[in-house]
Protein backbone atom coordinates (compact mmCIF):
# COMPACT_ATOMS: atom_id res chain seq x y z
CA UNK A 1 -32.28 2.09 29.06
CA UNK A 2 -29.80 0.72 26.56
CA UNK A 3 -26.58 -1.00 27.50
CA UNK A 4 -23.38 1.05 27.37
CA UNK A 5 -21.14 -0.30 24.62
CA UNK A 6 -17.55 -1.08 25.56
CA UNK A 7 -15.23 -0.19 22.68
CA UNK A 8 -11.74 -1.54 22.04
CA UNK A 9 -10.30 1.99 22.03
CA UNK A 10 -11.70 2.68 25.51
CA UNK A 11 -10.11 -0.26 27.36
CA UNK A 12 -6.52 -0.63 28.49
CA UNK A 13 -4.32 -3.35 29.90
CA UNK A 14 -4.86 -3.23 33.65
CA UNK A 15 -8.53 -2.20 33.48
CA UNK A 16 -10.75 -4.23 35.77
CA UNK A 17 -14.38 -5.34 35.85
CA UNK A 18 -16.36 -6.97 38.63
CA UNK A 19 -19.79 -8.11 39.72
CA UNK A 20 -21.10 -9.27 43.07
CA UNK A 21 -23.83 -11.86 43.39
CA UNK A 22 -26.35 -12.16 46.21
CA UNK A 23 -25.44 -14.62 48.99
CA UNK A 24 -25.76 -18.24 47.84
CA UNK A 25 -28.78 -20.04 49.27
CA UNK A 26 -29.73 -23.68 49.31
CA UNK A 27 -32.56 -22.71 46.94
CA UNK A 28 -30.02 -21.34 44.43
CA UNK A 29 -28.09 -24.60 44.67
CA UNK A 30 -31.24 -26.72 44.26
CA UNK A 31 -32.37 -24.69 41.25
CA UNK A 32 -28.94 -25.05 39.67
CA UNK A 33 -29.08 -28.81 40.29
CA UNK A 34 -32.41 -28.92 38.46
CA UNK A 35 -31.17 -26.81 35.57
CA UNK A 36 -27.93 -28.76 35.17
CA UNK A 37 -29.23 -32.22 36.02
CA UNK A 38 -26.43 -32.59 38.60
CA UNK A 39 -28.09 -33.97 41.71
CA UNK A 40 -24.92 -35.22 43.38
CA UNK A 41 -25.85 -35.49 47.08
CA UNK A 42 -23.01 -33.16 48.10
CA UNK A 43 -25.04 -30.39 46.48
CA UNK A 44 -28.60 -31.24 47.46
CA UNK A 45 -28.73 -33.66 50.40
CA UNK A 46 -28.05 -31.92 53.71
CA UNK A 47 -28.10 -35.21 55.66
CA UNK A 48 -25.50 -36.71 53.33
CA UNK A 49 -23.40 -33.54 53.49
CA UNK A 50 -23.34 -33.60 57.31
CA UNK A 51 -21.12 -36.69 57.04
CA UNK A 52 -18.53 -34.98 54.82
CA UNK A 53 -15.57 -32.86 55.94
CA UNK A 54 -17.47 -29.67 55.00
CA UNK A 55 -20.54 -30.67 57.08
CA UNK A 56 -22.90 -28.95 54.64
CA UNK A 57 -23.89 -28.86 50.99
CA UNK A 58 -21.71 -26.98 48.52
CA UNK A 59 -22.57 -25.08 45.37
CA UNK A 60 -21.72 -26.61 42.01
CA UNK A 61 -18.39 -25.48 40.59
CA UNK A 62 -20.10 -24.82 37.28
CA UNK A 63 -22.49 -22.47 39.07
CA UNK A 64 -19.47 -20.37 40.03
CA UNK A 65 -18.21 -20.55 36.44
CA UNK A 66 -21.64 -19.37 35.32
CA UNK A 67 -21.29 -16.29 37.53
CA UNK A 68 -17.92 -15.54 35.91
CA UNK A 69 -19.43 -15.99 32.44
CA UNK A 70 -22.34 -13.70 33.34
CA UNK A 71 -19.96 -10.98 34.55
CA UNK A 72 -18.22 -11.12 31.17
CA UNK A 73 -21.35 -11.26 29.01
CA UNK A 74 -22.94 -8.42 31.01
CA UNK A 75 -19.83 -6.32 30.31
CA UNK A 76 -19.55 -7.19 26.63
CA UNK A 77 -21.73 -5.51 23.99
CA UNK A 78 -23.13 -8.92 23.00
CA UNK A 79 -22.77 -12.32 24.71
CA UNK A 80 -21.46 -13.81 21.46
CA UNK A 81 -18.37 -11.60 21.79
CA UNK A 82 -17.05 -13.94 24.48
CA UNK A 83 -14.83 -16.28 22.49
CA UNK A 84 -13.10 -18.34 25.17
CA UNK A 85 -13.45 -18.96 28.88
CA UNK A 86 -11.35 -21.34 30.93
CA UNK A 87 -11.85 -21.74 34.67
CA UNK A 88 -10.15 -23.86 37.33
CA UNK A 89 -11.95 -24.46 40.62
CA UNK A 90 -9.84 -23.70 43.68
CA UNK A 91 -12.27 -23.69 46.58
CA UNK A 92 -15.77 -24.55 47.66
CA UNK A 93 -18.74 -22.20 47.77
CA UNK A 94 -21.11 -22.73 50.69
CA UNK A 95 -24.63 -21.53 51.44
CA UNK A 96 -24.31 -17.99 52.78
CA UNK A 97 -21.19 -17.19 50.75
CA UNK A 98 -21.17 -14.09 48.58
CA UNK A 99 -19.36 -14.66 45.30
CA UNK A 100 -17.71 -11.67 43.67
CA UNK A 101 -16.38 -12.16 40.16
CA UNK A 102 -13.51 -10.06 38.86
CA UNK A 103 -11.62 -9.65 35.65
CA UNK A 104 -8.50 -7.76 34.62
CA UNK A 105 -7.45 -7.02 31.06
CA UNK A 106 -3.98 -8.48 30.56
CA UNK A 107 -3.63 -8.00 26.79
CA UNK A 108 -5.33 -6.32 23.86
CA UNK A 109 -4.49 -6.85 20.23
CA UNK A 110 -5.85 -6.93 16.71
CA UNK A 111 -5.88 -10.07 14.59
CA UNK A 112 -7.57 -10.77 11.26
CA UNK A 113 -9.41 -7.45 11.45
CA UNK A 114 -10.86 -8.12 14.92
CA UNK A 115 -10.16 -6.45 18.25
CA UNK A 116 -9.32 -8.92 21.02
CA UNK A 117 -8.91 -8.53 24.76
CA UNK A 118 -7.55 -11.21 27.07
CA UNK A 119 -8.59 -11.18 30.69
CA UNK A 120 -7.50 -12.87 33.85
CA UNK A 121 -10.73 -13.78 35.64
CA UNK A 122 -11.55 -15.10 39.08
CA UNK A 123 -14.31 -15.56 41.61
CA UNK A 124 -13.76 -14.97 45.30
CA UNK A 125 -15.84 -15.39 48.41
CA UNK A 126 -16.53 -12.72 51.02
CA UNK A 127 -13.23 -13.57 52.75
CA UNK A 128 -11.27 -12.75 49.57
CA UNK A 129 -10.43 -16.41 48.95
CA UNK A 130 -10.26 -17.25 45.26
CA UNK A 131 -12.69 -20.11 44.64
CA UNK A 132 -12.11 -20.10 40.86
CA UNK A 133 -9.42 -18.66 38.59
CA UNK A 134 -9.15 -18.55 34.85
CA UNK A 135 -8.78 -16.64 31.65
CA UNK A 136 -11.08 -15.29 28.99
CA UNK A 137 -10.81 -13.87 25.50
CA UNK A 138 -13.34 -11.60 23.87
CA UNK A 139 -13.83 -9.44 20.81
CA UNK A 140 -14.76 -5.77 21.19
CA UNK A 141 -16.14 -3.45 18.53
CA UNK A 142 -14.17 -0.48 17.26
CA UNK A 143 -15.47 3.09 17.30
CA UNK A 144 -14.50 3.46 13.65
């Protein structure tokens, strides 16, 4: 089955996108540590983490950013259409948390013959707490 193409003419300011990820496990966190090379004990050492205010390991912030990026690139016709992504981390993600990523189109415009959309993006946990917020800019194809 081919991917449905999102065209510039079909999106409007206020349109939203979202994706929900499976609950975060310690295995996800360990695999991300291996892929990123970030073995900070707060992410991978449960004994170390027991002595921190959170009392458990936490997921990497960049893992959350990766979920936001994947939501966008899954929505776009081609991953290379994502031109800019900026994310600020606002909360911690713990094992067992479910991260839902959301985006809302806040502007659309044409510049230098290209069709741009700007989005407000965020990731929230199952309690609706925003653990990351940011903005993105992407190029969409035209139907013509």
